[in-house]
C-alpha atoms as a PDB file:
ATOM      1  CA  MET A   1     104.143  99.717 108.286  1.00  0.00           C
ATOM      2  CA  LEU A   2     100.601  98.375 108.399  1.00  0.00           C
ATOM      3  CA  GLN A   3     100.233  98.426 112.185  1.00  0.00           C
ATOM      4  CA  SER A   4     100.284 102.229 112.548  1.00  0.00           C
ATOM      5  CA  TRP A   5      98.001 102.523 109.520  1.00  0.00           C
ATOM      6  CA  ARG A   6      95.573 100.035 111.138  1.00  0.00           C
ATOM      7  CA  GLU A   7      95.594 101.958 114.408  1.00  0.00           C
ATOM      8  CA  ARG A   8      94.741 105.145 112.512  1.00  0.00           C
ATOM      9  CA  LEU A   9      91.740 103.401 110.900  1.00  0.00           C
ATOM     10  CA  VAL A  10      90.564 102.070 114.277  1.00  0.00           C
ATOM     11  CA  ALA A  11      90.806 105.585 115.730  1.00  0.00           C
ATOM     12  CA  ALA A  12      88.723 106.833 112.802  1.00  0.00           C
ATOM     13  CA  GLY A  13      85.961 104.422 113.826  1.00  0.00           C
ATOM     14  CA  LYS A  14      86.285 101.883 111.008  1.00  0.00           C
ATOM     15  CA  THR A  15      84.853  98.427 111.628  1.00  0.00           C
ATOM     16  CA  LYS A  16      87.032  95.326 111.769  1.00  0.00           C
ATOM     17  CA  MET A  17      85.870  94.097 108.369  1.00  0.00           C
ATOM     18  CA  ALA A  18      86.376  97.518 106.778  1.00  0.00           C
ATOM     19  CA  ILE A  19      89.967  97.471 108.031  1.00  0.00           C
ATOM     20  CA  VAL A  20      90.489  93.937 106.698  1.00  0.00           C
ATOM     21  CA  GLY A  21      89.117  94.987 103.298  1.00  0.00           C
ATOM     22  CA  ALA A  22      91.304  98.080 103.202  1.00  0.00           C
ATOM     23  CA  ALA A  23      94.358  96.012 104.160  1.00  0.00           C
ATOM     24  CA  MET A  24      93.666  93.502 101.389  1.00  0.00           C
ATOM     25  CA  HIS A  25      93.304  96.332  98.890  1.00  0.00           C
ATOM     26  CA  LYS A  26      96.543  97.954 100.048  1.00  0.00           C
ATOM     27  CA  LEU A  27      98.494  94.669  99.852  1.00  0.00           C
ATOM     28  CA  ILE A  28      97.129  93.875  96.397  1.00  0.00           C
ATOM     29  CA  ARG A  29      98.254  97.306  95.141  1.00  0.00           C
ATOM     30  CA  ILE A  30     101.730  96.704  96.588  1.00  0.00           C
ATOM     31  CA  VAL A  31     101.995  93.253  94.980  1.00  0.00           C
ATOM     32  CA  TYR A  32     100.748  94.547  91.631  1.00  0.00           C
ATOM     33  CA  GLY A  33     103.257  97.408  91.727  1.00  0.00           C
ATOM     34  CA  VAL A  34     106.130  95.005  92.367  1.00  0.00           C
ATOM     35  CA  LEU A  35     105.028  92.612  89.629  1.00  0.00           C
ATOM     36  CA  ALA A  36     104.305  95.333  87.069  1.00  0.00           C
ATOM     37  CA  SER A  37     107.589  97.171  87.640  1.00  0.00           C
ATOM     38  CA  GLY A  38     109.777  94.092  87.855  1.00  0.00           C
ATOM     39  CA  GLN A  39     111.690  95.658  90.749  1.00  0.00           C
ATOM     40  CA  GLN A  40     112.325  94.021  94.099  1.00  0.00           C
ATOM     41  CA  TYR A  41     110.092  94.936  97.019  1.00  0.00           C
ATOM     42  CA  ASP A  42     111.438  97.909  98.976  1.00  0.00           C
ATOM     43  CA  PRO A  43     109.457  98.652 102.172  1.00  0.00           C
ATOM     44  CA  THR A  44     111.004 102.128 102.512  1.00  0.00           C
ATOM     45  CA  LYS A  45     109.102 103.226  99.396  1.00  0.00           C
ATOM     46  CA  LEU A  46     105.846 102.707 101.308  1.00  0.00           C
ATOM     47  CA  LEU A  47     106.763 104.979 104.211  1.00  0.00           C
ATOM     48  CA  PRO A  48     105.994 108.692 104.295  1.00  0.00           C
ATOM     49  CA  PRO A  49     109.071 110.839 103.506  1.00  0.00           C
ATOM     50  CA  LYS A  50     109.622 111.779 107.177  1.00  0.00           C
ATOM     51  CA  LEU A  51     109.750 108.132 108.297  1.00  0.00           C
ATOM     52  CA  ALA A  52     111.708 106.901 105.290  1.00  0.00           C
ATOM     53  CA  SER A  53     114.611 109.244 106.061  1.00  0.00           C
ATOM     54  CA  ALA A  54     114.600 108.230 109.751  1.00  0.00           C
ATOM     55  CA  THR A  55     114.986 104.478 109.150  1.00  0.00           C
ATOM     56  CA  PRO A  56     118.514 103.015 109.123  1.00  0.00           C
END
């Protein structure tokens, strides 16, 4: 999930610390969404529609 996203940021020329900051922000939004909704974490909700339908 995060690995392909990280590779895309590296290809876009982002610095290491910019990628770390973006990853922290992304993870905090995921955690907040889980806590605010009260639902269990579902990693398929984070994938784009094409990839979500391809996963078993």
